[in-house]
PDB file of all heavy atoms in Angstrom:
ATOM      1  N   ALA A   1      -0.954   9.925 -21.167  1.00  0.00           N
ATOM      2  CA  ALA A   1      -1.570  11.219 -20.620  1.00  0.00           C
ATOM      3  C   ALA A   1      -2.641  11.012 -19.689  1.00  0.00           C
ATOM      4  O   ALA A   1      -2.689  11.624 -18.663  1.00  0.00           O
ATOM      5  CB  ALA A   1      -1.972  12.130 -21.839  1.00  0.00           C
ATOM      6  N   ALA A   2      -3.515  10.017 -19.997  1.00  0.00           N
ATOM      7  CA  ALA A   2      -4.591   9.761 -19.055  1.00  0.00           C
ATOM      8  C   ALA A   2      -4.079   9.174 -17.745  1.00  0.00           C
ATOM      9  O   ALA A   2      -4.537   9.538 -16.692  1.00  0.00           O
ATOM     10  CB  ALA A   2      -5.582   8.822 -19.721  1.00  0.00           C
ATOM     11  N   CYS A   3      -3.093   8.323 -17.833  1.00  0.00           N
ATOM     12  CA  CYS A   3      -2.368   7.767 -16.577  1.00  0.00           C
ATOM     13  C   CYS A   3      -1.737   8.901 -15.685  1.00  0.00           C
ATOM     14  O   CYS A   3      -1.962   8.891 -14.540  1.00  0.00           O
ATOM     15  CB  CYS A   3      -1.404   6.705 -16.915  1.00  0.00           C
ATOM     16  SG  CYS A   3      -2.159   5.214 -17.553  1.00  0.00           S
ATOM     17  N   LEU A   4      -1.097   9.722 -16.372  1.00  0.00           N
ATOM     18  CA  LEU A   4      -0.475  10.863 -15.675  1.00  0.00           C
ATOM     19  C   LEU A   4      -1.470  11.785 -15.047  1.00  0.00           C
ATOM     20  O   LEU A   4      -1.313  12.232 -13.904  1.00  0.00           O
ATOM     21  CB  LEU A   4       0.442  11.674 -16.607  1.00  0.00           C
ATOM     22  CG  LEU A   4       1.779  10.966 -17.040  1.00  0.00           C
ATOM     23  CD1 LEU A   4       2.454  11.768 -17.954  1.00  0.00           C
ATOM     24  CD2 LEU A   4       2.617  10.690 -15.693  1.00  0.00           C
ATOM     25  N   LEU A   5      -2.616  12.041 -15.689  1.00  0.00           N
ATOM     26  CA  LEU A   5      -3.630  12.941 -15.188  1.00  0.00           C
ATOM     27  C   LEU A   5      -4.323  12.179 -13.969  1.00  0.00           C
ATOM     28  O   LEU A   5      -4.529  12.865 -12.993  1.00  0.00           O
ATOM     29  CB  LEU A   5      -4.714  13.057 -16.305  1.00  0.00           C
ATOM     30  CG  LEU A   5      -5.822  14.133 -15.888  1.00  0.00           C
ATOM     31  CD1 LEU A   5      -5.331  15.463 -15.633  1.00  0.00           C
ATOM     32  CD2 LEU A   5      -6.867  14.100 -17.034  1.00  0.00           C
ATOM     33  N   ALA A   6      -4.589  10.946 -14.071  1.00  0.00           N
ATOM     34  CA  ALA A   6      -5.149  10.236 -12.962  1.00  0.00           C
ATOM     35  C   ALA A   6      -4.154  10.209 -11.712  1.00  0.00           C
ATOM     36  O   ALA A   6      -4.529  10.395 -10.601  1.00  0.00           O
ATOM     37  CB  ALA A   6      -5.527   8.808 -13.296  1.00  0.00           C
ATOM     38  N   LEU A   7      -2.913  10.000 -12.049  1.00  0.00           N
ATOM     39  CA  LEU A   7      -1.917   9.996 -10.985  1.00  0.00           C
ATOM     40  C   LEU A   7      -1.685  11.342 -10.270  1.00  0.00           C
ATOM     41  O   LEU A   7      -1.600  11.384  -9.070  1.00  0.00           O
ATOM     42  CB  LEU A   7      -0.537   9.461 -11.570  1.00  0.00           C
ATOM     43  CG  LEU A   7       0.639   9.260 -10.552  1.00  0.00           C
ATOM     44  CD1 LEU A   7       0.199   8.178  -9.574  1.00  0.00           C
ATOM     45  CD2 LEU A   7       1.859   8.877 -11.192  1.00  0.00           C
ATOM     46  N   SER A   8      -1.724  12.391 -11.069  1.00  0.00           N
ATOM     47  CA  SER A   8      -1.603  13.666 -10.499  1.00  0.00           C
ATOM     48  C   SER A   8      -2.794  14.022  -9.598  1.00  0.00           C
ATOM     49  O   SER A   8      -2.668  14.672  -8.513  1.00  0.00           O
ATOM     50  CB  SER A   8      -1.502  14.799 -11.534  1.00  0.00           C
ATOM     51  OG  SER A   8      -2.684  14.923 -12.271  1.00  0.00           O
ATOM     52  N   GLY A   9      -3.930  13.572  -9.918  1.00  0.00           N
ATOM     53  CA  GLY A   9      -5.248  13.735  -9.077  1.00  0.00           C
ATOM     54  C   GLY A   9      -5.056  12.909  -7.800  1.00  0.00           C
ATOM     55  O   GLY A   9      -5.495  13.389  -6.727  1.00  0.00           O
ATOM     56  N   HIS A  10      -4.525  11.834  -7.894  1.00  0.00           N
ATOM     57  CA  HIS A  10      -4.279  10.948  -6.716  1.00  0.00           C
ATOM     58  C   HIS A  10      -3.282  11.592  -5.741  1.00  0.00           C
ATOM     59  O   HIS A  10      -3.440  11.490  -4.554  1.00  0.00           O
ATOM     60  CB  HIS A  10      -3.858   9.561  -7.173  1.00  0.00           C
ATOM     61  CG  HIS A  10      -3.666   8.584  -5.976  1.00  0.00           C
ATOM     62  ND1 HIS A  10      -4.681   8.193  -5.243  1.00  0.00           N
ATOM     63  CD2 HIS A  10      -2.519   8.068  -5.440  1.00  0.00           C
ATOM     64  CE1 HIS A  10      -4.191   7.361  -4.271  1.00  0.00           C
ATOM     65  NE2 HIS A  10      -2.853   7.277  -4.480  1.00  0.00           N
ATOM     66  N   CYS A  11      -2.265  12.147  -6.294  1.00  0.00           N
ATOM     67  CA  CYS A  11      -1.191  12.708  -5.422  1.00  0.00           C
ATOM     68  C   CYS A  11      -1.706  13.993  -4.710  1.00  0.00           C
ATOM     69  O   CYS A  11      -1.233  14.374  -3.638  1.00  0.00           O
ATOM     70  CB  CYS A  11       0.046  13.013  -6.273  1.00  0.00           C
ATOM     71  SG  CYS A  11       0.856  11.572  -6.838  1.00  0.00           S
ATOM     72  N   ARG A  12      -2.618  14.663  -5.314  1.00  0.00           N
ATOM     73  CA  ARG A  12      -3.195  15.896  -4.786  1.00  0.00           C
ATOM     74  C   ARG A  12      -4.197  15.627  -3.660  1.00  0.00           C
ATOM     75  O   ARG A  12      -4.539  16.509  -2.948  1.00  0.00           O
ATOM     76  CB  ARG A  12      -3.831  16.722  -5.803  1.00  0.00           C
ATOM     77  CG  ARG A  12      -2.830  17.488  -6.646  1.00  0.00           C
ATOM     78  CD  ARG A  12      -3.532  18.426  -7.583  1.00  0.00           C
ATOM     79  NE  ARG A  12      -4.311  17.591  -8.510  1.00  0.00           N
ATOM     80  CZ  ARG A  12      -4.912  17.988  -9.620  1.00  0.00           C
ATOM     81  NH1 ARG A  12      -4.897  19.228  -9.960  1.00  0.00           N
ATOM     82  NH2 ARG A  12      -5.541  17.182 -10.393  1.00  0.00           N
ATOM     83  N   HIS A  13      -4.715  14.431  -3.457  1.00  0.00           N
ATOM     84  CA  HIS A  13      -5.661  14.057  -2.554  1.00  0.00           C
ATOM     85  C   HIS A  13      -5.053  14.217  -1.059  1.00  0.00           C
ATOM     86  O   HIS A  13      -4.170  13.605  -0.801  1.00  0.00           O
ATOM     87  CB  HIS A  13      -6.196  12.658  -2.767  1.00  0.00           C
ATOM     88  CG  HIS A  13      -7.171  12.198  -1.810  1.00  0.00           C
ATOM     89  ND1 HIS A  13      -8.440  12.730  -1.646  1.00  0.00           N
ATOM     90  CD2 HIS A  13      -7.101  11.283  -0.760  1.00  0.00           C
ATOM     91  CE1 HIS A  13      -9.099  12.135  -0.686  1.00  0.00           C
ATOM     92  NE2 HIS A  13      -8.316  11.263  -0.164  1.00  0.00           N
ATOM     93  N   GLU A  14      -5.786  15.009  -0.313  1.00  0.00           N
ATOM     94  CA  GLU A  14      -5.281  15.242   1.062  1.00  0.00           C
ATOM     95  C   GLU A  14      -5.949  14.134   1.964  1.00  0.00           C
ATOM     96  O   GLU A  14      -7.140  13.883   1.855  1.00  0.00           O
ATOM     97  CB  GLU A  14      -5.675  16.586   1.543  1.00  0.00           C
ATOM     98  CG  GLU A  14      -4.983  17.695   0.803  1.00  0.00           C
ATOM     99  CD  GLU A  14      -5.268  19.037   1.304  1.00  0.00           C
ATOM    100  OE1 GLU A  14      -5.913  19.177   2.448  1.00  0.00           O
ATOM    101  OE2 GLU A  14      -5.035  20.043   0.697  1.00  0.00           O
ATOM    102  N   LYS A  15      -5.173  13.671   2.781  1.00  0.00           N
ATOM    103  CA  LYS A  15      -5.746  12.699   3.799  1.00  0.00           C
ATOM    104  C   LYS A  15      -6.384  13.405   4.897  1.00  0.00           C
ATOM    105  O   LYS A  15      -5.806  14.179   5.644  1.00  0.00           O
ATOM    106  CB  LYS A  15      -4.577  11.799   4.354  1.00  0.00           C
ATOM    107  CG  LYS A  15      -3.957  10.932   3.280  1.00  0.00           C
ATOM    108  CD  LYS A  15      -2.923  10.042   3.855  1.00  0.00           C
ATOM    109  CE  LYS A  15      -2.277   9.151   2.703  1.00  0.00           C
ATOM    110  NZ  LYS A  15      -1.215   8.401   3.192  1.00  0.00           N
ATOM    111  N   THR A  16      -7.712  13.264   5.044  1.00  0.00           N
ATOM    112  CA  THR A  16      -8.460  13.913   6.049  1.00  0.00           C
ATOM    113  C   THR A  16      -9.125  12.950   6.917  1.00  0.00           C
ATOM    114  O   THR A  16     -10.248  12.444   6.689  1.00  0.00           O
ATOM    115  CB  THR A  16      -9.535  14.837   5.478  1.00  0.00           C
ATOM    116  OG1 THR A  16     -10.319  14.137   4.577  1.00  0.00           O
ATOM    117  CG2 THR A  16      -8.856  16.019   4.691  1.00  0.00           C
ATOM    118  N   ILE A  17      -8.387  12.463   7.904  1.00  0.00           N
ATOM    119  CA  ILE A  17      -8.871  11.401   8.778  1.00  0.00           C
ATOM    120  C   ILE A  17     -10.128  11.998   9.619  1.00  0.00           C
ATOM    121  O   ILE A  17     -11.091  11.340   9.880  1.00  0.00           O
ATOM    122  CB  ILE A  17      -7.828  10.888   9.777  1.00  0.00           C
ATOM    123  CG1 ILE A  17      -6.836  10.157   8.957  1.00  0.00           C
ATOM    124  CG2 ILE A  17      -8.398   9.999  10.836  1.00  0.00           C
ATOM    125  CD1 ILE A  17      -5.583   9.742   9.780  1.00  0.00           C
ATOM    126  N   GLU A  18      -9.964  13.255  10.055  1.00  0.00           N
ATOM    127  CA  GLU A  18     -11.002  13.781  10.960  1.00  0.00           C
ATOM    128  C   GLU A  18     -12.320  13.967  10.240  1.00  0.00           C
ATOM    129  O   GLU A  18     -13.367  13.712  10.880  1.00  0.00           O
ATOM    130  CB  GLU A  18     -10.524  15.288  11.379  1.00  0.00           C
ATOM    131  CG  GLU A  18      -9.297  15.253  12.310  1.00  0.00           C
ATOM    132  CD  GLU A  18      -8.002  15.143  11.524  1.00  0.00           C
ATOM    133  OE1 GLU A  18      -8.006  15.280  10.229  1.00  0.00           O
ATOM    134  OE2 GLU A  18      -6.990  14.843  12.142  1.00  0.00           O
ATOM    135  N   ASN A  19     -12.347  14.233   9.008  1.00  0.00           N
ATOM    136  CA  ASN A  19     -13.655  14.511   8.341  1.00  0.00           C
ATOM    137  C   ASN A  19     -14.352  13.105   7.939  1.00  0.00           C
ATOM    138  O   ASN A  19     -15.583  13.094   7.902  1.00  0.00           O
ATOM    139  CB  ASN A  19     -13.484  15.313   7.126  1.00  0.00           C
ATOM    140  CG  ASN A  19     -12.952  16.701   7.490  1.00  0.00           C
ATOM    141  OD1 ASN A  19     -13.152  17.116   8.635  1.00  0.00           O
ATOM    142  ND2 ASN A  19     -12.351  17.433   6.538  1.00  0.00           N
ATOM    143  N   ASN A  20     -13.582  12.192   7.565  1.00  0.00           N
ATOM    144  CA  ASN A  20     -14.179  10.939   7.046  1.00  0.00           C
ATOM    145  C   ASN A  20     -14.112   9.780   8.057  1.00  0.00           C
ATOM    146  O   ASN A  20     -14.596   8.726   7.624  1.00  0.00           O
ATOM    147  CB  ASN A  20     -13.379  10.587   5.804  1.00  0.00           C
ATOM    148  CG  ASN A  20     -13.471  11.558   4.694  1.00  0.00           C
ATOM    149  OD1 ASN A  20     -14.568  12.262   4.584  1.00  0.00           O
ATOM    150  ND2 ASN A  20     -12.531  11.739   3.887  1.00  0.00           N
ATOM    151  N   SER A  21     -13.747   9.904   9.240  1.00  0.00           N
ATOM    152  CA  SER A  21     -13.626   8.841  10.155  1.00  0.00           C
ATOM    153  C   SER A  21     -14.959   8.601  10.770  1.00  0.00           C
ATOM    154  O   SER A  21     -15.672   9.446  11.206  1.00  0.00           O
ATOM    155  CB  SER A  21     -12.630   9.198  11.268  1.00  0.00           C
ATOM    156  OG  SER A  21     -11.390   9.448  10.721  1.00  0.00           O
ATOM    157  N   PRO A  22     -15.348   7.245  10.824  1.00  0.00           N
ATOM    158  CA  PRO A  22     -16.590   6.933  11.475  1.00  0.00           C
ATOM    159  C   PRO A  22     -16.389   7.005  12.935  1.00  0.00           C
ATOM    160  O   PRO A  22     -15.380   6.870  13.490  1.00  0.00           O
ATOM    161  CB  PRO A  22     -16.881   5.556  10.992  1.00  0.00           C
ATOM    162  CG  PRO A  22     -15.511   4.948  10.692  1.00  0.00           C
ATOM    163  CD  PRO A  22     -14.698   6.140  10.157  1.00  0.00           C
ATOM    164  N   THR A  23     -17.516   7.174  13.685  1.00  0.00           N
ATOM    165  CA  THR A  23     -17.469   7.045  15.115  1.00  0.00           C
ATOM    166  C   THR A  23     -17.505   5.623  15.537  1.00  0.00           C
ATOM    167  O   THR A  23     -18.328   4.818  14.992  1.00  0.00           O
ATOM    168  CB  THR A  23     -18.770   7.749  15.761  1.00  0.00           C
ATOM    169  OG1 THR A  23     -18.710   9.069  15.274  1.00  0.00           O
ATOM    170  CG2 THR A  23     -18.746   7.699  17.206  1.00  0.00           C
ATOM    171  N   VAL A  24     -16.575   5.178  16.462  1.00  0.00           N
ATOM    172  CA  VAL A  24     -16.424   3.869  16.819  1.00  0.00           C
ATOM    173  C   VAL A  24     -16.561   3.676  18.280  1.00  0.00           C
ATOM    174  O   VAL A  24     -16.230   4.643  19.095  1.00  0.00           O
ATOM    175  CB  VAL A  24     -15.142   3.186  16.338  1.00  0.00           C
ATOM    176  CG1 VAL A  24     -15.078   3.075  14.886  1.00  0.00           C
ATOM    177  CG2 VAL A  24     -13.947   3.919  16.969  1.00  0.00           C
ATOM    178  N   SER A  25     -17.075   2.581  18.795  1.00  0.00           N
ATOM    179  CA  SER A  25     -17.222   2.303  20.264  1.00  0.00           C
ATOM    180  C   SER A  25     -16.342   1.040  20.499  1.00  0.00           C
ATOM    181  O   SER A  25     -16.411   0.073  19.830  1.00  0.00           O
ATOM    182  CB  SER A  25     -18.506   2.012  20.633  1.00  0.00           C
ATOM    183  OG  SER A  25     -19.423   3.104  20.468  1.00  0.00           O
ATOM    184  N   ILE A  26     -15.378   1.180  21.466  1.00  0.00           N
ATOM    185  CA  ILE A  26     -14.517   0.101  21.781  1.00  0.00           C
ATOM    186  C   ILE A  26     -15.044  -0.497  23.117  1.00  0.00           C
ATOM    187  O   ILE A  26     -15.154   0.116  24.108  1.00  0.00           O
ATOM    188  CB  ILE A  26     -13.083   0.587  21.964  1.00  0.00           C
ATOM    189  CG1 ILE A  26     -12.633   1.246  20.704  1.00  0.00           C
ATOM    190  CG2 ILE A  26     -12.187  -0.577  22.399  1.00  0.00           C
ATOM    191  CD1 ILE A  26     -11.258   1.962  20.855  1.00  0.00           C
ATOM    192  N   ILE A  27     -15.396  -1.814  23.045  1.00  0.00           N
ATOM    193  CA  ILE A  27     -15.896  -2.534  24.230  1.00  0.00           C
ATOM    194  C   ILE A  27     -14.863  -3.523  24.681  1.00  0.00           C
ATOM    195  O   ILE A  27     -14.392  -4.365  23.860  1.00  0.00           O
ATOM    196  CB  ILE A  27     -17.220  -3.162  23.847  1.00  0.00           C
ATOM    197  CG1 ILE A  27     -18.313  -2.310  23.495  1.00  0.00           C
ATOM    198  CG2 ILE A  27     -17.758  -4.034  25.101  1.00  0.00           C
ATOM    199  CD1 ILE A  27     -19.469  -2.785  22.954  1.00  0.00           C
ATOM    200  N   ILE A  28     -14.389  -3.419  25.845  1.00  0.00           N
ATOM    201  CA  ILE A  28     -13.297  -4.329  26.404  1.00  0.00           C
ATOM    202  C   ILE A  28     -13.939  -5.268  27.322  1.00  0.00           C
ATOM    203  O   ILE A  28     -14.489  -4.995  28.346  1.00  0.00           O
ATOM    204  CB  ILE A  28     -12.289  -3.484  27.042  1.00  0.00           C
ATOM    205  CG1 ILE A  28     -11.719  -2.461  26.178  1.00  0.00           C
ATOM    206  CG2 ILE A  28     -11.152  -4.423  27.600  1.00  0.00           C
ATOM    207  CD1 ILE A  28     -10.852  -1.429  26.808  1.00  0.00           C
ATOM    208  N   ALA A  29     -13.878  -6.599  26.955  1.00  0.00           N
ATOM    209  CA  ALA A  29     -14.304  -7.693  27.866  1.00  0.00           C
ATOM    210  C   ALA A  29     -13.022  -8.147  28.556  1.00  0.00           C
ATOM    211  O   ALA A  29     -12.168  -8.664  28.081  1.00  0.00           O
ATOM    212  CB  ALA A  29     -14.916  -8.740  27.051  1.00  0.00           C
ATOM    213  N   ALA A  30     -12.978  -7.973  29.878  1.00  0.00           N
ATOM    214  CA  ALA A  30     -11.901  -8.287  30.687  1.00  0.00           C
ATOM    215  C   ALA A  30     -12.403  -8.940  31.949  1.00  0.00           C
ATOM    216  O   ALA A  30     -13.309  -8.540  32.616  1.00  0.00           O
ATOM    217  CB  ALA A  30     -11.087  -7.055  31.001  1.00  0.00           C
ATOM    218  N   ARG A  31     -11.543 -10.015  32.376  1.00  0.00           N
ATOM    219  CA  ARG A  31     -11.801 -10.652  33.670  1.00  0.00           C
ATOM    220  C   ARG A  31     -10.475 -11.000  34.252  1.00  0.00           C
ATOM    221  O   ARG A  31      -9.614 -11.548  33.572  1.00  0.00           O
ATOM    222  CB  ARG A  31     -12.543 -11.950  33.364  1.00  0.00           C
ATOM    223  CG  ARG A  31     -12.896 -12.768  34.683  1.00  0.00           C
ATOM    224  CD  ARG A  31     -13.751 -13.916  34.307  1.00  0.00           C
ATOM    225  NE  ARG A  31     -13.873 -14.699  35.526  1.00  0.00           N
ATOM    226  CZ  ARG A  31     -14.359 -15.898  35.595  1.00  0.00           C
ATOM    227  NH1 ARG A  31     -14.749 -16.513  34.466  1.00  0.00           N
ATOM    228  NH2 ARG A  31     -14.452 -16.489  36.690  1.00  0.00           N
ATOM    229  N   ASN A  32     -10.308 -10.583  35.464  1.00  0.00           N
ATOM    230  CA  ASN A  32      -9.036 -10.748  36.230  1.00  0.00           C
ATOM    231  C   ASN A  32      -7.825 -10.155  35.381  1.00  0.00           C
ATOM    232  O   ASN A  32      -6.804 -10.751  35.265  1.00  0.00           O
ATOM    233  CB  ASN A  32      -8.772 -12.214  36.403  1.00  0.00           C
ATOM    234  CG  ASN A  32      -9.892 -12.864  37.253  1.00  0.00           C
ATOM    235  OD1 ASN A  32     -10.426 -12.258  38.126  1.00  0.00           O
ATOM    236  ND2 ASN A  32     -10.106 -14.184  37.087  1.00  0.00           N
ATOM    237  N   GLU A  33      -7.956  -8.982  34.898  1.00  0.00           N
ATOM    238  CA  GLU A  33      -7.000  -8.288  34.019  1.00  0.00           C
ATOM    239  C   GLU A  33      -6.477  -6.979  34.712  1.00  0.00           C
ATOM    240  O   GLU A  33      -6.221  -6.015  34.086  1.00  0.00           O
ATOM    241  CB  GLU A  33      -7.489  -7.999  32.690  1.00  0.00           C
ATOM    242  CG  GLU A  33      -7.757  -9.229  31.885  1.00  0.00           C
ATOM    243  CD  GLU A  33      -6.487  -9.938  31.479  1.00  0.00           C
ATOM    244  OE1 GLU A  33      -5.366  -9.266  31.390  1.00  0.00           O
ATOM    245  OE2 GLU A  33      -6.554 -11.214  31.299  1.00  0.00           O
ATOM    246  N   VAL A  34      -6.498  -6.943  35.988  1.00  0.00           N
ATOM    247  CA  VAL A  34      -6.063  -5.752  36.761  1.00  0.00           C
ATOM    248  C   VAL A  34      -4.661  -5.311  36.321  1.00  0.00           C
ATOM    249  O   VAL A  34      -4.423  -4.154  36.203  1.00  0.00           O
ATOM    250  CB  VAL A  34      -6.134  -5.977  38.290  1.00  0.00           C
ATOM    251  CG1 VAL A  34      -5.605  -4.861  39.059  1.00  0.00           C
ATOM    252  CG2 VAL A  34      -7.574  -6.319  38.733  1.00  0.00           C
ATOM    253  N   LYS A  35      -3.760  -6.274  36.154  1.00  0.00           N
ATOM    254  CA  LYS A  35      -2.422  -5.889  35.801  1.00  0.00           C
ATOM    255  C   LYS A  35      -2.253  -5.320  34.381  1.00  0.00           C
ATOM    256  O   LYS A  35      -1.346  -4.512  34.159  1.00  0.00           O
ATOM    257  CB  LYS A  35      -1.508  -7.157  35.904  1.00  0.00           C
ATOM    258  CG  LYS A  35      -1.384  -7.800  37.266  1.00  0.00           C
ATOM    259  CD  LYS A  35      -0.489  -8.975  37.150  1.00  0.00           C
ATOM    260  CE  LYS A  35      -0.402  -9.651  38.582  1.00  0.00           C
ATOM    261  NZ  LYS A  35       0.437 -10.915  38.500  1.00  0.00           N
ATOM    262  N   HIS A  36      -3.118  -5.645  33.488  1.00  0.00           N
ATOM    263  CA  HIS A  36      -2.938  -5.287  32.138  1.00  0.00           C
ATOM    264  C   HIS A  36      -3.954  -4.224  31.594  1.00  0.00           C
ATOM    265  O   HIS A  36      -3.716  -3.621  30.582  1.00  0.00           O
ATOM    266  CB  HIS A  36      -3.063  -6.552  31.198  1.00  0.00           C
ATOM    267  CG  HIS A  36      -2.175  -7.628  31.569  1.00  0.00           C
ATOM    268  ND1 HIS A  36      -0.809  -7.612  31.296  1.00  0.00           N
ATOM    269  CD2 HIS A  36      -2.392  -8.814  32.158  1.00  0.00           C
ATOM    270  CE1 HIS A  36      -0.267  -8.621  31.678  1.00  0.00           C
ATOM    271  NE2 HIS A  36      -1.204  -9.403  32.277  1.00  0.00           N
ATOM    272  N   ILE A  37      -5.055  -4.036  32.337  1.00  0.00           N
ATOM    273  CA  ILE A  37      -6.091  -3.089  31.811  1.00  0.00           C
ATOM    274  C   ILE A  37      -5.622  -1.704  31.698  1.00  0.00           C
ATOM    275  O   ILE A  37      -5.951  -0.912  30.744  1.00  0.00           O
ATOM    276  CB  ILE A  37      -7.373  -3.236  32.584  1.00  0.00           C
ATOM    277  CG1 ILE A  37      -8.594  -2.699  31.872  1.00  0.00           C
ATOM    278  CG2 ILE A  37      -7.243  -2.633  33.924  1.00  0.00           C
ATOM    279  CD1 ILE A  37      -9.048  -3.445  30.793  1.00  0.00           C
ATOM    280  N   GLY A  38      -4.759  -1.252  32.633  1.00  0.00           N
ATOM    281  CA  GLY A  38      -4.235   0.091  32.606  1.00  0.00           C
ATOM    282  C   GLY A  38      -3.455   0.385  31.306  1.00  0.00           C
ATOM    283  O   GLY A  38      -3.578   1.488  30.725  1.00  0.00           O
ATOM    284  N   GLN A  39      -2.540  -0.558  31.005  1.00  0.00           N
ATOM    285  CA  GLN A  39      -1.732  -0.366  29.769  1.00  0.00           C
ATOM    286  C   GLN A  39      -2.591  -0.377  28.512  1.00  0.00           C
ATOM    287  O   GLN A  39      -2.442   0.334  27.612  1.00  0.00           O
ATOM    288  CB  GLN A  39      -0.647  -1.483  29.701  1.00  0.00           C
ATOM    289  CG  GLN A  39       0.240  -1.401  28.507  1.00  0.00           C
ATOM    290  CD  GLN A  39       1.113  -0.050  28.540  1.00  0.00           C
ATOM    291  OE1 GLN A  39       1.617   0.322  29.590  1.00  0.00           O
ATOM    292  NE2 GLN A  39       1.293   0.483  27.388  1.00  0.00           N
ATOM    293  N   LEU A  40      -3.597  -1.243  28.532  1.00  0.00           N
ATOM    294  CA  LEU A  40      -4.537  -1.238  27.357  1.00  0.00           C
ATOM    295  C   LEU A  40      -5.213  -0.013  27.201  1.00  0.00           C
ATOM    296  O   LEU A  40      -5.299   0.557  26.125  1.00  0.00           O
ATOM    297  CB  LEU A  40      -5.582  -2.436  27.569  1.00  0.00           C
ATOM    298  CG  LEU A  40      -6.598  -2.491  26.489  1.00  0.00           C
ATOM    299  CD1 LEU A  40      -5.960  -2.798  25.159  1.00  0.00           C
ATOM    300  CD2 LEU A  40      -7.585  -3.567  26.874  1.00  0.00           C
ATOM    301  N   LEU A  41      -5.738   0.604  28.262  1.00  0.00           N
ATOM    302  CA  LEU A  41      -6.466   1.871  28.228  1.00  0.00           C
ATOM    303  C   LEU A  41      -5.539   3.031  27.803  1.00  0.00           C
ATOM    304  O   LEU A  41      -5.891   3.876  26.982  1.00  0.00           O
ATOM    305  CB  LEU A  41      -7.092   2.148  29.557  1.00  0.00           C
ATOM    306  CG  LEU A  41      -8.261   1.270  29.930  1.00  0.00           C
ATOM    307  CD1 LEU A  41      -8.775   1.636  31.410  1.00  0.00           C
ATOM    308  CD2 LEU A  41      -9.403   1.441  29.015  1.00  0.00           C
ATOM    309  N   ASP A  42      -4.261   2.962  28.238  1.00  0.00           N
ATOM    310  CA  ASP A  42      -3.237   4.010  27.807  1.00  0.00           C
ATOM    311  C   ASP A  42      -3.016   3.883  26.324  1.00  0.00           C
ATOM    312  O   ASP A  42      -2.903   4.870  25.671  1.00  0.00           O
ATOM    313  CB  ASP A  42      -1.987   3.781  28.573  1.00  0.00           C
ATOM    314  CG  ASP A  42      -2.081   4.221  30.112  1.00  0.00           C
ATOM    315  OD1 ASP A  42      -3.056   4.963  30.374  1.00  0.00           O
ATOM    316  OD2 ASP A  42      -1.232   3.796  30.826  1.00  0.00           O
ATOM    317  N   ASP A  43      -2.885   2.632  25.823  1.00  0.00           N
ATOM    318  CA  ASP A  43      -2.597   2.369  24.433  1.00  0.00           C
ATOM    319  C   ASP A  43      -3.780   2.801  23.557  1.00  0.00           C
ATOM    320  O   ASP A  43      -3.629   3.405  22.458  1.00  0.00           O
ATOM    321  CB  ASP A  43      -2.286   0.924  24.194  1.00  0.00           C
ATOM    322  CG  ASP A  43      -0.965   0.459  24.763  1.00  0.00           C
ATOM    323  OD1 ASP A  43      -0.136   1.380  24.991  1.00  0.00           O
ATOM    324  OD2 ASP A  43      -0.768  -0.663  24.801  1.00  0.00           O
ATOM    325  N   LEU A  44      -4.992   2.521  24.027  1.00  0.00           N
ATOM    326  CA  LEU A  44      -6.212   2.975  23.313  1.00  0.00           C
ATOM    327  C   LEU A  44      -6.377   4.459  23.186  1.00  0.00           C
ATOM    328  O   LEU A  44      -6.691   5.031  22.192  1.00  0.00           O
ATOM    329  CB  LEU A  44      -7.481   2.280  23.801  1.00  0.00           C
ATOM    330  CG  LEU A  44      -7.606   0.809  23.604  1.00  0.00           C
ATOM    331  CD1 LEU A  44      -8.813   0.278  24.366  1.00  0.00           C
ATOM    332  CD2 LEU A  44      -7.729   0.526  22.108  1.00  0.00           C
ATOM    333  N   THR A  45      -6.063   5.134  24.369  1.00  0.00           N
ATOM    334  CA  THR A  45      -6.240   6.579  24.295  1.00  0.00           C
ATOM    335  C   THR A  45      -5.028   7.273  23.623  1.00  0.00           C
ATOM    336  O   THR A  45      -5.157   8.405  23.153  1.00  0.00           O
ATOM    337  CB  THR A  45      -6.376   7.165  25.693  1.00  0.00           C
ATOM    338  OG1 THR A  45      -5.273   6.774  26.493  1.00  0.00           O
ATOM    339  CG2 THR A  45      -7.616   6.699  26.356  1.00  0.00           C
ATOM    340  N   GLY A  46      -3.929   6.587  23.390  1.00  0.00           N
ATOM    341  CA  GLY A  46      -2.838   7.118  22.743  1.00  0.00           C
ATOM    342  C   GLY A  46      -2.930   6.978  21.198  1.00  0.00           C
ATOM    343  O   GLY A  46      -1.920   7.320  20.470  1.00  0.00           O
TER     344      GLY A  46
END
C-alpha cells in the first residue's frame, strides 16, 4: 500500500520546465568557424 501510494504521487507530478528551469548563459568559443556557426546558432535557438 505504501509503494502504491508513493507511485501514485509520482505519476501525478507535472513536469514544469518553465517554473523550475535555471537561467543559463551559453558562451561559444569559435575561431574560423564561419561555415558552422550559423547551424550551431540555429540548433541552440531551436
